[in-house]
N, C-alpha and C. Protein backbone atom coordinates (compact mmCIF):
# COMPACT_ATOMS: atom_id res chain seq x y z
N MET A 1 173.93 -102.51 87.23
CA MET A 1 173.53 -101.42 86.34
C MET A 1 174.06 -100.08 86.87
N HIS A 2 174.66 -99.31 85.98
CA HIS A 2 175.16 -97.99 86.38
C HIS A 2 173.99 -97.07 86.71
N LYS A 3 174.06 -96.42 87.86
CA LYS A 3 173.01 -95.49 88.26
C LYS A 3 173.31 -94.09 87.76
N THR A 4 172.30 -93.43 87.22
CA THR A 4 172.43 -92.04 86.83
C THR A 4 172.54 -91.18 88.08
N ASP A 5 173.37 -90.14 88.02
CA ASP A 5 173.52 -89.26 89.18
C ASP A 5 172.21 -88.54 89.51
N VAL A 6 171.54 -88.03 88.48
CA VAL A 6 170.34 -87.20 88.69
C VAL A 6 169.24 -87.60 87.71
N ALA A 7 168.06 -87.86 88.23
CA ALA A 7 166.87 -87.98 87.40
C ALA A 7 166.08 -86.67 87.51
N ILE A 8 165.94 -85.97 86.39
CA ILE A 8 165.12 -84.76 86.34
C ILE A 8 163.75 -85.17 85.82
N ILE A 9 162.73 -84.94 86.60
CA ILE A 9 161.39 -85.42 86.23
C ILE A 9 160.77 -84.51 85.18
N ASP A 10 160.41 -85.12 84.06
CA ASP A 10 159.78 -84.40 82.95
C ASP A 10 158.30 -84.78 82.91
N TYR A 11 157.47 -83.86 83.39
CA TYR A 11 156.03 -84.10 83.33
C TYR A 11 155.33 -83.00 82.52
N GLY A 12 156.13 -82.30 81.70
CA GLY A 12 155.58 -81.33 80.77
C GLY A 12 155.45 -79.92 81.31
N LEU A 13 155.96 -79.66 82.53
CA LEU A 13 155.79 -78.34 83.14
C LEU A 13 157.07 -77.88 83.82
N GLY A 14 158.19 -77.94 83.11
CA GLY A 14 159.44 -77.54 83.75
C GLY A 14 160.43 -76.94 82.78
N ASN A 15 161.33 -76.10 83.32
CA ASN A 15 162.42 -75.52 82.54
C ASN A 15 163.60 -76.49 82.63
N LEU A 16 163.54 -77.55 81.85
CA LEU A 16 164.43 -78.68 82.06
C LEU A 16 165.84 -78.44 81.53
N TYR A 17 165.97 -77.73 80.42
CA TYR A 17 167.28 -77.57 79.80
C TYR A 17 168.25 -76.87 80.74
N SER A 18 167.82 -75.78 81.37
CA SER A 18 168.72 -75.02 82.25
C SER A 18 169.15 -75.85 83.44
N ILE A 19 168.24 -76.64 83.99
CA ILE A 19 168.56 -77.50 85.12
C ILE A 19 169.53 -78.60 84.68
N LYS A 20 169.27 -79.21 83.55
CA LYS A 20 170.15 -80.25 83.02
C LYS A 20 171.55 -79.70 82.78
N HIS A 21 171.62 -78.50 82.20
CA HIS A 21 172.91 -77.89 81.91
C HIS A 21 173.68 -77.60 83.20
N ALA A 22 172.98 -77.10 84.23
CA ALA A 22 173.64 -76.79 85.50
C ALA A 22 174.20 -78.06 86.14
N CYS A 23 173.44 -79.16 86.09
CA CYS A 23 173.91 -80.42 86.65
C CYS A 23 175.12 -80.94 85.88
N GLU A 24 175.05 -80.89 84.56
CA GLU A 24 176.16 -81.39 83.75
C GLU A 24 177.40 -80.52 83.92
N TYR A 25 177.20 -79.23 84.14
CA TYR A 25 178.32 -78.33 84.40
C TYR A 25 179.08 -78.77 85.65
N MET A 26 178.37 -79.38 86.59
CA MET A 26 179.00 -79.88 87.82
C MET A 26 179.52 -81.31 87.66
N GLY A 27 179.50 -81.83 86.44
CA GLY A 27 180.04 -83.16 86.18
C GLY A 27 179.11 -84.30 86.50
N LEU A 28 177.82 -84.01 86.64
CA LEU A 28 176.85 -85.05 86.98
C LEU A 28 176.25 -85.66 85.72
N SER A 29 176.00 -86.95 85.75
CA SER A 29 175.25 -87.59 84.67
C SER A 29 173.77 -87.39 84.93
N VAL A 30 173.02 -87.10 83.86
CA VAL A 30 171.63 -86.66 84.00
C VAL A 30 170.73 -87.48 83.08
N GLU A 31 169.57 -87.84 83.60
CA GLU A 31 168.52 -88.44 82.78
C GLU A 31 167.24 -87.63 82.98
N VAL A 32 166.74 -87.05 81.89
CA VAL A 32 165.45 -86.36 81.91
C VAL A 32 164.40 -87.41 81.59
N THR A 33 163.46 -87.62 82.50
CA THR A 33 162.62 -88.81 82.37
C THR A 33 161.24 -88.62 82.99
N ASN A 34 160.29 -89.38 82.46
CA ASN A 34 159.00 -89.55 83.14
C ASN A 34 158.73 -91.02 83.42
N ASP A 35 159.80 -91.81 83.41
CA ASP A 35 159.71 -93.24 83.71
C ASP A 35 159.80 -93.44 85.22
N PRO A 36 158.75 -93.97 85.84
CA PRO A 36 158.78 -94.16 87.30
C PRO A 36 159.97 -94.98 87.78
N ALA A 37 160.36 -96.01 87.03
CA ALA A 37 161.49 -96.84 87.44
C ALA A 37 162.79 -96.06 87.42
N ALA A 38 162.94 -95.17 86.43
CA ALA A 38 164.16 -94.37 86.34
C ALA A 38 164.28 -93.41 87.52
N VAL A 39 163.14 -92.94 88.01
CA VAL A 39 163.14 -92.02 89.14
C VAL A 39 163.67 -92.70 90.39
N THR A 40 163.22 -93.90 90.66
CA THR A 40 163.59 -94.57 91.90
C THR A 40 164.98 -95.20 91.86
N ARG A 41 165.54 -95.40 90.66
CA ARG A 41 166.87 -96.02 90.62
C ARG A 41 168.01 -95.00 90.52
N ALA A 42 167.71 -93.71 90.34
CA ALA A 42 168.74 -92.69 90.25
C ALA A 42 169.32 -92.39 91.63
N LYS A 43 170.52 -91.79 91.63
CA LYS A 43 171.17 -91.43 92.89
C LYS A 43 170.54 -90.21 93.54
N SER A 44 169.87 -89.38 92.74
CA SER A 44 169.17 -88.21 93.26
C SER A 44 168.06 -87.84 92.28
N VAL A 45 167.14 -87.01 92.73
CA VAL A 45 165.98 -86.64 91.92
C VAL A 45 165.75 -85.14 92.03
N ILE A 46 165.44 -84.51 90.89
CA ILE A 46 165.03 -83.11 90.87
C ILE A 46 163.61 -83.03 90.33
N LEU A 47 162.74 -82.37 91.07
CA LEU A 47 161.36 -82.10 90.64
C LEU A 47 161.26 -80.62 90.28
N PRO A 48 161.29 -80.28 89.00
CA PRO A 48 161.16 -78.88 88.60
C PRO A 48 159.69 -78.50 88.45
N GLY A 49 159.43 -77.35 87.88
CA GLY A 49 158.04 -77.01 87.60
C GLY A 49 157.79 -75.53 87.39
N VAL A 50 157.02 -75.23 86.38
CA VAL A 50 156.46 -73.90 86.17
C VAL A 50 155.01 -74.10 85.74
N GLY A 51 154.15 -73.15 86.10
CA GLY A 51 152.75 -73.28 85.72
C GLY A 51 151.85 -73.46 86.93
N ALA A 52 150.69 -74.08 86.70
CA ALA A 52 149.65 -74.18 87.71
C ALA A 52 149.77 -75.46 88.53
N PHE A 53 149.56 -75.34 89.81
CA PHE A 53 149.68 -76.45 90.76
C PHE A 53 148.77 -77.61 90.37
N GLY A 54 147.49 -77.34 90.11
CA GLY A 54 146.54 -78.40 89.80
C GLY A 54 146.91 -79.16 88.54
N ASP A 55 147.33 -78.42 87.51
CA ASP A 55 147.75 -79.08 86.26
C ASP A 55 148.96 -79.98 86.50
N ALA A 56 149.88 -79.51 87.32
CA ALA A 56 151.09 -80.28 87.61
C ALA A 56 150.74 -81.58 88.35
N MET A 57 149.89 -81.49 89.36
CA MET A 57 149.51 -82.69 90.10
C MET A 57 148.77 -83.67 89.18
N ASP A 58 147.92 -83.15 88.30
CA ASP A 58 147.23 -84.04 87.35
C ASP A 58 148.23 -84.77 86.46
N ALA A 59 149.27 -84.06 86.01
CA ALA A 59 150.27 -84.67 85.15
C ALA A 59 151.07 -85.73 85.90
N LEU A 60 151.45 -85.44 87.14
CA LEU A 60 152.20 -86.42 87.93
C LEU A 60 151.37 -87.69 88.17
N LYS A 61 150.08 -87.52 88.41
CA LYS A 61 149.21 -88.68 88.61
C LYS A 61 149.05 -89.47 87.32
N ARG A 62 148.85 -88.76 86.22
CA ARG A 62 148.64 -89.41 84.92
C ARG A 62 149.86 -90.24 84.51
N LEU A 63 151.05 -89.77 84.87
CA LEU A 63 152.28 -90.46 84.51
C LEU A 63 152.75 -91.46 85.58
N ASP A 64 151.92 -91.66 86.61
CA ASP A 64 152.24 -92.60 87.70
C ASP A 64 153.55 -92.24 88.40
N LEU A 65 153.75 -90.93 88.62
CA LEU A 65 154.98 -90.47 89.25
C LEU A 65 154.80 -90.12 90.74
N VAL A 66 153.58 -90.15 91.24
CA VAL A 66 153.35 -89.79 92.64
C VAL A 66 153.98 -90.82 93.58
N SER A 67 153.71 -92.09 93.36
CA SER A 67 154.27 -93.14 94.22
C SER A 67 155.80 -93.17 94.19
N PRO A 68 156.44 -93.07 93.01
CA PRO A 68 157.90 -93.03 93.00
C PRO A 68 158.47 -91.85 93.79
N LEU A 69 157.83 -90.69 93.69
CA LEU A 69 158.31 -89.54 94.45
C LEU A 69 158.17 -89.78 95.95
N LYS A 70 157.09 -90.41 96.35
CA LYS A 70 156.92 -90.72 97.77
C LYS A 70 157.93 -91.77 98.23
N ASP A 71 158.25 -92.72 97.35
CA ASP A 71 159.28 -93.70 97.68
C ASP A 71 160.64 -93.03 97.86
N VAL A 72 160.96 -92.09 96.99
CA VAL A 72 162.22 -91.36 97.12
C VAL A 72 162.25 -90.59 98.45
N ALA A 73 161.14 -89.94 98.77
CA ALA A 73 161.07 -89.17 100.02
C ALA A 73 161.22 -90.06 101.25
N ASP A 74 160.83 -91.33 101.13
CA ASP A 74 160.94 -92.26 102.26
C ASP A 74 162.31 -92.93 102.33
N SER A 75 163.19 -92.60 101.38
CA SER A 75 164.52 -93.20 101.33
C SER A 75 165.55 -92.16 101.77
N ASP A 76 166.81 -92.46 101.50
CA ASP A 76 167.86 -91.48 101.76
C ASP A 76 168.36 -90.83 100.46
N ILE A 77 167.59 -90.98 99.38
CA ILE A 77 167.95 -90.39 98.09
C ILE A 77 167.69 -88.89 98.14
N PRO A 78 168.66 -88.04 97.81
CA PRO A 78 168.42 -86.59 97.82
C PRO A 78 167.35 -86.21 96.80
N LEU A 79 166.41 -85.40 97.23
CA LEU A 79 165.32 -84.91 96.38
C LEU A 79 165.32 -83.39 96.45
N MET A 80 165.40 -82.74 95.29
CA MET A 80 165.38 -81.28 95.24
C MET A 80 164.18 -80.81 94.41
N GLY A 81 163.39 -79.91 94.97
CA GLY A 81 162.29 -79.28 94.26
C GLY A 81 162.64 -77.85 93.88
N ILE A 82 162.20 -77.42 92.71
CA ILE A 82 162.51 -76.08 92.22
C ILE A 82 161.24 -75.40 91.75
N CYS A 83 161.00 -74.18 92.24
CA CYS A 83 159.87 -73.34 91.87
C CYS A 83 158.55 -74.08 92.16
N LEU A 84 157.73 -74.34 91.16
CA LEU A 84 156.50 -75.10 91.39
C LEU A 84 156.82 -76.45 92.01
N GLY A 85 158.00 -76.98 91.70
CA GLY A 85 158.41 -78.25 92.30
C GLY A 85 158.48 -78.19 93.81
N GLN A 86 158.86 -77.03 94.37
CA GLN A 86 158.82 -76.89 95.83
C GLN A 86 157.38 -76.94 96.32
N GLN A 87 156.50 -76.20 95.66
CA GLN A 87 155.11 -76.12 96.11
C GLN A 87 154.44 -77.49 96.08
N LEU A 88 154.72 -78.28 95.05
CA LEU A 88 154.09 -79.59 94.91
C LEU A 88 154.43 -80.53 96.06
N LEU A 89 155.56 -80.30 96.70
CA LEU A 89 155.98 -81.16 97.80
C LEU A 89 155.12 -80.96 99.05
N PHE A 90 154.39 -79.86 99.10
CA PHE A 90 153.59 -79.55 100.29
C PHE A 90 152.21 -80.20 100.23
N SER A 91 151.45 -80.02 101.29
CA SER A 91 150.20 -80.78 101.46
C SER A 91 149.07 -80.30 100.57
N SER A 92 148.98 -78.98 100.34
CA SER A 92 147.84 -78.46 99.59
C SER A 92 148.16 -77.09 99.03
N SER A 93 147.33 -76.66 98.07
CA SER A 93 147.48 -75.34 97.46
C SER A 93 146.11 -74.73 97.19
N GLU A 94 146.04 -73.39 97.28
CA GLU A 94 144.82 -72.67 96.98
C GLU A 94 144.84 -72.07 95.57
N GLU A 95 145.85 -72.39 94.77
CA GLU A 95 145.98 -71.80 93.44
C GLU A 95 144.89 -72.33 92.50
N PHE A 96 144.04 -71.43 91.99
CA PHE A 96 142.94 -71.79 91.10
C PHE A 96 142.06 -72.88 91.71
N GLY A 97 141.73 -72.72 93.00
CA GLY A 97 140.91 -73.71 93.69
C GLY A 97 141.72 -74.50 94.69
N ALA A 98 141.07 -75.43 95.36
CA ALA A 98 141.74 -76.24 96.37
C ALA A 98 142.29 -77.51 95.73
N HIS A 99 143.60 -77.76 95.97
CA HIS A 99 144.25 -78.92 95.38
C HIS A 99 145.10 -79.62 96.43
N GLU A 100 145.11 -80.94 96.38
CA GLU A 100 145.97 -81.74 97.25
C GLU A 100 147.33 -81.89 96.60
N GLY A 101 148.40 -81.69 97.40
CA GLY A 101 149.75 -81.86 96.89
C GLY A 101 150.31 -83.23 97.22
N LEU A 102 151.61 -83.36 97.08
CA LEU A 102 152.26 -84.64 97.36
C LEU A 102 152.29 -84.97 98.85
N GLY A 103 152.23 -83.94 99.69
CA GLY A 103 152.18 -84.16 101.14
C GLY A 103 153.49 -84.65 101.72
N LEU A 104 154.61 -84.32 101.09
CA LEU A 104 155.91 -84.77 101.58
C LEU A 104 156.50 -83.81 102.61
N ILE A 105 156.05 -82.55 102.58
CA ILE A 105 156.43 -81.56 103.59
C ILE A 105 155.13 -80.99 104.16
N PRO A 106 154.93 -81.03 105.47
CA PRO A 106 153.68 -80.50 106.04
C PRO A 106 153.57 -78.99 105.84
N GLY A 107 152.46 -78.57 105.27
CA GLY A 107 152.24 -77.15 105.05
C GLY A 107 151.36 -76.93 103.83
N ARG A 108 151.16 -75.65 103.50
CA ARG A 108 150.24 -75.31 102.41
C ARG A 108 150.87 -74.26 101.50
N VAL A 109 150.20 -74.02 100.38
CA VAL A 109 150.63 -73.02 99.41
C VAL A 109 149.52 -71.99 99.27
N GLN A 110 149.90 -70.71 99.36
CA GLN A 110 148.88 -69.66 99.25
C GLN A 110 149.37 -68.53 98.36
N TYR A 111 148.40 -67.73 97.88
CA TYR A 111 148.70 -66.60 97.01
C TYR A 111 149.36 -65.46 97.78
N PHE A 112 150.20 -64.71 97.07
CA PHE A 112 150.58 -63.40 97.56
C PHE A 112 149.36 -62.47 97.49
N PRO A 113 149.18 -61.58 98.46
CA PRO A 113 148.17 -60.54 98.32
C PRO A 113 148.67 -59.44 97.38
N ILE A 114 147.76 -58.71 96.79
CA ILE A 114 148.13 -57.49 96.06
C ILE A 114 148.48 -56.44 97.10
N GLN A 115 149.66 -55.84 96.98
CA GLN A 115 150.13 -54.90 98.00
C GLN A 115 150.43 -53.52 97.39
N GLU A 116 149.98 -52.50 98.08
CA GLU A 116 150.32 -51.10 97.76
C GLU A 116 151.04 -50.54 98.97
N ILE A 117 152.34 -50.27 98.83
CA ILE A 117 153.15 -49.81 99.96
C ILE A 117 153.93 -48.58 99.52
N ASP A 118 153.68 -47.45 100.18
CA ASP A 118 154.38 -46.19 99.90
C ASP A 118 154.33 -45.85 98.41
N GLY A 119 153.16 -46.04 97.83
CA GLY A 119 152.99 -45.68 96.43
C GLY A 119 153.47 -46.70 95.43
N ARG A 120 154.03 -47.81 95.92
CA ARG A 120 154.51 -48.86 95.02
C ARG A 120 153.55 -50.04 95.04
N THR A 121 153.23 -50.53 93.86
CA THR A 121 152.41 -51.73 93.75
C THR A 121 153.31 -52.95 93.59
N TYR A 122 153.13 -53.92 94.48
CA TYR A 122 153.87 -55.18 94.38
C TYR A 122 152.99 -56.16 93.59
N LYS A 123 153.34 -56.30 92.34
CA LYS A 123 152.50 -57.09 91.44
C LYS A 123 152.63 -58.58 91.72
N VAL A 124 151.58 -59.28 91.36
CA VAL A 124 151.56 -60.74 91.44
C VAL A 124 151.34 -61.26 90.02
N PRO A 125 152.21 -62.09 89.49
CA PRO A 125 153.32 -62.77 90.17
C PRO A 125 154.53 -61.87 90.45
N GLN A 126 155.33 -62.30 91.42
CA GLN A 126 156.65 -61.71 91.59
C GLN A 126 157.55 -62.26 90.48
N VAL A 127 158.12 -61.36 89.69
CA VAL A 127 159.01 -61.76 88.61
C VAL A 127 160.29 -60.95 88.72
N GLY A 128 161.41 -61.62 88.93
CA GLY A 128 162.68 -60.91 88.97
C GLY A 128 163.53 -61.34 90.15
N TRP A 129 164.52 -60.51 90.45
CA TRP A 129 165.52 -60.82 91.46
C TRP A 129 165.06 -60.38 92.84
N ASN A 130 165.37 -61.21 93.83
CA ASN A 130 165.10 -60.87 95.22
C ASN A 130 166.11 -61.60 96.08
N THR A 131 166.27 -61.15 97.31
CA THR A 131 167.32 -61.69 98.17
C THR A 131 166.81 -62.83 99.05
N ILE A 132 167.74 -63.70 99.40
CA ILE A 132 167.44 -64.78 100.34
C ILE A 132 168.31 -64.61 101.59
N HIS A 133 167.76 -65.00 102.73
CA HIS A 133 168.44 -64.85 104.01
C HIS A 133 168.19 -66.09 104.87
N PRO A 134 169.12 -66.44 105.74
CA PRO A 134 168.82 -67.48 106.72
C PRO A 134 167.70 -67.01 107.65
N PRO A 135 166.97 -67.93 108.26
CA PRO A 135 165.98 -67.52 109.26
C PRO A 135 166.64 -66.67 110.35
N GLU A 136 165.94 -65.64 110.81
CA GLU A 136 166.52 -64.69 111.77
C GLU A 136 167.01 -65.38 113.04
N ASP A 137 166.29 -66.41 113.49
CA ASP A 137 166.65 -67.07 114.74
C ASP A 137 167.68 -68.18 114.56
N ASP A 138 168.17 -68.37 113.31
CA ASP A 138 169.12 -69.45 113.05
C ASP A 138 170.07 -69.03 111.93
N PRO A 139 170.97 -68.06 112.21
CA PRO A 139 171.85 -67.54 111.16
C PRO A 139 172.81 -68.56 110.58
N GLY A 140 173.06 -69.65 111.30
CA GLY A 140 173.94 -70.69 110.79
C GLY A 140 173.21 -71.83 110.09
N ARG A 141 171.97 -71.61 109.76
CA ARG A 141 171.10 -72.65 109.22
C ARG A 141 171.65 -73.29 107.95
N TRP A 142 172.41 -72.54 107.15
CA TRP A 142 172.83 -73.05 105.85
C TRP A 142 174.01 -74.02 105.90
N ALA A 143 174.66 -74.11 107.04
CA ALA A 143 175.81 -75.02 107.16
C ALA A 143 175.37 -76.46 106.89
N GLY A 144 176.10 -77.13 106.00
CA GLY A 144 175.79 -78.51 105.70
C GLY A 144 174.59 -78.74 104.81
N THR A 145 174.04 -77.66 104.23
CA THR A 145 172.89 -77.77 103.33
C THR A 145 173.31 -77.33 101.92
N LEU A 146 172.36 -77.34 101.00
CA LEU A 146 172.66 -76.93 99.62
C LEU A 146 172.94 -75.44 99.51
N LEU A 147 172.71 -74.68 100.58
CA LEU A 147 173.03 -73.25 100.58
C LEU A 147 174.35 -72.94 101.28
N GLU A 148 175.08 -73.96 101.69
CA GLU A 148 176.37 -73.70 102.33
C GLU A 148 177.29 -72.94 101.36
N GLY A 149 177.88 -71.86 101.85
CA GLY A 149 178.77 -71.06 101.03
C GLY A 149 178.07 -69.97 100.23
N VAL A 150 176.75 -70.00 100.16
CA VAL A 150 176.00 -68.92 99.51
C VAL A 150 175.95 -67.72 100.46
N SER A 151 176.10 -66.54 99.92
CA SER A 151 176.14 -65.34 100.75
C SER A 151 174.75 -64.99 101.26
N PRO A 152 174.59 -64.78 102.58
CA PRO A 152 173.32 -64.25 103.07
C PRO A 152 173.01 -62.93 102.36
N GLY A 153 171.80 -62.79 101.88
CA GLY A 153 171.44 -61.61 101.10
C GLY A 153 171.70 -61.78 99.62
N ALA A 154 172.08 -62.98 99.18
CA ALA A 154 172.32 -63.23 97.76
C ALA A 154 171.05 -63.02 96.95
N ASP A 155 171.21 -62.50 95.74
CA ASP A 155 170.08 -62.31 94.83
C ASP A 155 169.81 -63.61 94.08
N MET A 156 168.55 -64.01 94.05
CA MET A 156 168.12 -65.18 93.29
C MET A 156 166.92 -64.78 92.41
N TYR A 157 166.67 -65.56 91.37
CA TYR A 157 165.65 -65.21 90.39
C TYR A 157 164.35 -65.95 90.69
N PHE A 158 163.25 -65.19 90.80
CA PHE A 158 161.94 -65.72 91.17
C PHE A 158 160.92 -65.44 90.06
N VAL A 159 159.99 -66.39 89.89
CA VAL A 159 158.78 -66.19 89.08
C VAL A 159 157.68 -67.00 89.75
N HIS A 160 156.78 -66.33 90.48
CA HIS A 160 155.72 -67.09 91.17
C HIS A 160 154.63 -66.17 91.70
N SER A 161 153.43 -66.74 91.75
CA SER A 161 152.26 -66.03 92.30
C SER A 161 151.92 -66.50 93.70
N CYS A 162 152.40 -67.69 94.07
CA CYS A 162 152.09 -68.30 95.36
C CYS A 162 153.38 -68.62 96.10
N HIS A 163 153.26 -68.85 97.39
CA HIS A 163 154.42 -69.21 98.20
C HIS A 163 154.01 -70.25 99.23
N VAL A 164 154.99 -71.00 99.73
CA VAL A 164 154.69 -72.05 100.69
C VAL A 164 154.63 -71.47 102.11
N VAL A 165 153.79 -72.12 102.91
CA VAL A 165 153.67 -71.79 104.34
C VAL A 165 153.84 -73.09 105.12
N PRO A 166 155.06 -73.40 105.55
CA PRO A 166 155.29 -74.65 106.27
C PRO A 166 154.54 -74.67 107.60
N ASP A 167 154.14 -75.86 108.02
CA ASP A 167 153.51 -76.00 109.34
C ASP A 167 154.50 -75.68 110.46
N SER A 168 155.78 -75.95 110.23
CA SER A 168 156.81 -75.73 111.24
C SER A 168 157.90 -74.82 110.69
N ASP A 169 158.33 -73.86 111.49
CA ASP A 169 159.43 -72.98 111.09
C ASP A 169 160.74 -73.76 110.93
N GLU A 170 160.82 -74.93 111.53
CA GLU A 170 162.05 -75.73 111.42
C GLU A 170 162.31 -76.17 109.99
N VAL A 171 161.28 -76.18 109.15
CA VAL A 171 161.42 -76.56 107.75
C VAL A 171 162.04 -75.43 106.92
N MET A 172 161.96 -74.20 107.41
CA MET A 172 162.42 -73.05 106.63
C MET A 172 163.94 -73.04 106.52
N LEU A 173 164.44 -73.06 105.29
CA LEU A 173 165.88 -73.00 105.04
C LEU A 173 166.31 -71.57 104.76
N CYS A 174 165.50 -70.84 104.01
CA CYS A 174 165.79 -69.43 103.75
C CYS A 174 164.48 -68.67 103.62
N THR A 175 164.59 -67.37 103.83
CA THR A 175 163.41 -66.51 103.75
C THR A 175 163.67 -65.36 102.78
N THR A 176 162.57 -64.84 102.25
CA THR A 176 162.61 -63.72 101.32
C THR A 176 161.41 -62.83 101.64
N THR A 177 161.55 -61.55 101.43
CA THR A 177 160.47 -60.61 101.68
C THR A 177 160.04 -59.96 100.37
N TYR A 178 158.73 -59.99 100.10
CA TYR A 178 158.16 -59.32 98.93
C TYR A 178 157.08 -58.38 99.44
N GLY A 179 157.37 -57.09 99.37
CA GLY A 179 156.48 -56.13 100.02
C GLY A 179 156.54 -56.33 101.52
N ASP A 180 155.40 -56.56 102.14
CA ASP A 180 155.34 -56.82 103.58
C ASP A 180 155.25 -58.31 103.90
N VAL A 181 155.36 -59.16 102.89
CA VAL A 181 155.21 -60.60 103.10
C VAL A 181 156.59 -61.26 103.17
N ALA A 182 156.92 -61.77 104.34
CA ALA A 182 158.13 -62.58 104.50
C ALA A 182 157.71 -64.04 104.33
N PHE A 183 158.36 -64.73 103.39
CA PHE A 183 157.93 -66.09 103.10
C PHE A 183 159.12 -67.03 103.05
N SER A 184 158.83 -68.31 103.12
CA SER A 184 159.85 -69.35 103.09
C SER A 184 160.23 -69.61 101.63
N SER A 185 161.39 -69.10 101.22
CA SER A 185 161.82 -69.27 99.83
C SER A 185 162.66 -70.52 99.63
N GLY A 186 162.94 -71.23 100.72
CA GLY A 186 163.64 -72.51 100.65
C GLY A 186 163.24 -73.39 101.81
N SER A 187 163.17 -74.68 101.56
CA SER A 187 162.71 -75.64 102.56
C SER A 187 163.72 -76.78 102.68
N PHE A 188 163.85 -77.30 103.90
CA PHE A 188 164.75 -78.42 104.15
C PHE A 188 164.07 -79.35 105.13
N TYR A 189 163.80 -80.59 104.67
CA TYR A 189 163.05 -81.54 105.49
C TYR A 189 163.52 -82.95 105.16
N LYS A 190 164.16 -83.59 106.13
CA LYS A 190 164.69 -84.94 105.94
C LYS A 190 165.66 -84.95 104.76
N ASN A 191 165.37 -85.72 103.72
CA ASN A 191 166.27 -85.78 102.55
C ASN A 191 165.81 -84.84 101.42
N ILE A 192 164.91 -83.93 101.74
CA ILE A 192 164.32 -83.04 100.74
C ILE A 192 164.82 -81.61 100.93
N THR A 193 165.29 -80.99 99.85
CA THR A 193 165.58 -79.57 99.83
C THR A 193 164.82 -78.97 98.66
N ALA A 194 164.21 -77.82 98.87
CA ALA A 194 163.40 -77.23 97.80
C ALA A 194 163.49 -75.72 97.85
N PHE A 195 163.42 -75.12 96.67
CA PHE A 195 163.57 -73.67 96.53
C PHE A 195 162.45 -73.09 95.68
N GLN A 196 161.96 -71.92 96.09
CA GLN A 196 160.99 -71.21 95.26
C GLN A 196 161.67 -70.53 94.08
N PHE A 197 162.90 -70.10 94.27
CA PHE A 197 163.65 -69.44 93.20
C PHE A 197 164.27 -70.49 92.26
N HIS A 198 164.83 -69.99 91.17
CA HIS A 198 165.49 -70.85 90.19
C HIS A 198 167.00 -70.71 90.35
N PRO A 199 167.66 -71.63 91.05
CA PRO A 199 169.11 -71.50 91.21
C PRO A 199 169.85 -71.57 89.88
N GLU A 200 169.32 -72.33 88.92
CA GLU A 200 169.99 -72.47 87.63
C GLU A 200 169.91 -71.19 86.78
N ARG A 201 169.11 -70.24 87.22
CA ARG A 201 168.98 -68.96 86.51
C ARG A 201 169.49 -67.80 87.39
N SER A 202 170.26 -68.13 88.42
CA SER A 202 170.63 -67.14 89.42
C SER A 202 172.14 -66.91 89.52
N GLY A 203 172.84 -67.07 88.41
CA GLY A 203 174.25 -66.71 88.38
C GLY A 203 175.12 -67.59 89.26
N THR A 204 176.24 -67.01 89.70
CA THR A 204 177.24 -67.76 90.45
C THR A 204 176.69 -68.30 91.77
N GLU A 205 175.92 -67.48 92.47
CA GLU A 205 175.36 -67.93 93.76
C GLU A 205 174.40 -69.10 93.55
N GLY A 206 173.63 -69.05 92.48
CA GLY A 206 172.73 -70.15 92.19
C GLY A 206 173.46 -71.43 91.83
N LEU A 207 174.55 -71.28 91.07
CA LEU A 207 175.33 -72.47 90.70
C LEU A 207 175.96 -73.13 91.91
N ALA A 208 176.19 -72.35 92.98
CA ALA A 208 176.72 -72.94 94.21
C ALA A 208 175.77 -73.99 94.77
N VAL A 209 174.47 -73.80 94.55
CA VAL A 209 173.49 -74.80 94.98
C VAL A 209 173.75 -76.13 94.28
N TYR A 210 174.00 -76.06 92.98
CA TYR A 210 174.26 -77.29 92.22
C TYR A 210 175.61 -77.90 92.57
N ALA A 211 176.58 -77.07 92.89
CA ALA A 211 177.87 -77.59 93.35
C ALA A 211 177.69 -78.37 94.65
N ASN A 212 176.90 -77.83 95.56
CA ASN A 212 176.61 -78.53 96.81
C ASN A 212 175.81 -79.80 96.58
N PHE A 213 174.90 -79.75 95.61
CA PHE A 213 174.09 -80.93 95.27
C PHE A 213 175.01 -82.04 94.76
N ALA A 214 175.97 -81.67 93.91
CA ALA A 214 176.93 -82.66 93.40
C ALA A 214 177.75 -83.27 94.54
N LYS A 215 178.19 -82.43 95.48
CA LYS A 215 178.95 -82.93 96.63
C LYS A 215 178.11 -83.89 97.46
N LEU A 216 176.85 -83.57 97.63
CA LEU A 216 175.94 -84.42 98.40
C LEU A 216 175.81 -85.80 97.76
N ILE A 217 175.64 -85.81 96.44
CA ILE A 217 175.50 -87.07 95.73
C ILE A 217 176.77 -87.91 95.87
N ARG A 218 177.91 -87.26 95.69
CA ARG A 218 179.18 -87.99 95.74
C ARG A 218 179.50 -88.47 97.15
N SER A 219 179.12 -87.68 98.16
CA SER A 219 179.38 -88.11 99.53
C SER A 219 178.51 -89.29 99.93
N SER A 220 177.34 -89.41 99.32
CA SER A 220 176.46 -90.54 99.63
C SER A 220 176.98 -91.84 99.05
N GLU A 221 177.93 -91.73 98.09
CA GLU A 221 178.53 -92.92 97.49
C GLU A 221 179.68 -93.46 98.33
N ALA A 222 180.23 -92.59 99.19
CA ALA A 222 181.44 -92.97 99.94
C ALA A 222 181.12 -94.04 100.99
């Protein structure tokens, strides 16, 4: 049976069209699905998401998608999380109460504080463009990852009220600062890469993420 290059998980809380278009632009075959079997047989998986953490976890459980995602994480299949999809990969979230996540990356999800700095209010959610940078202690961190070739300081598009806090700094792929809060805007752990921003809505630099994702899929076939 021919394997689809990318399974994009449709659980009712994602901006699927833009992600599908970005993948197809890179020449990848795409299946938008909530079929657990389709998730585990694809060459790679994307977990998107917008909305509330608790609602998303309820939907994944209702559709029997939790076990397939954990199976993918235990394999060598590339798994990419986007926006809420990144947060769901972590252990827990405080958004609208305490919620258990997928637990695929050790760490938690917490709210941004309301910040007043030099007369400017940093509203929550953060909506708009902000820059991403490699971790200060590891400027070469992006080599060989989905951010290879992306310019340090590149602008990416964000929409979120919460951010991830990994248990280990080694998981941090890129960082972003909103007001006085420096947070992990990208994560890299085993076969999992995840971003708080939307690369498919972030212009040329964002499309470079999908170009690297396509290269990763094709290299795994060699």
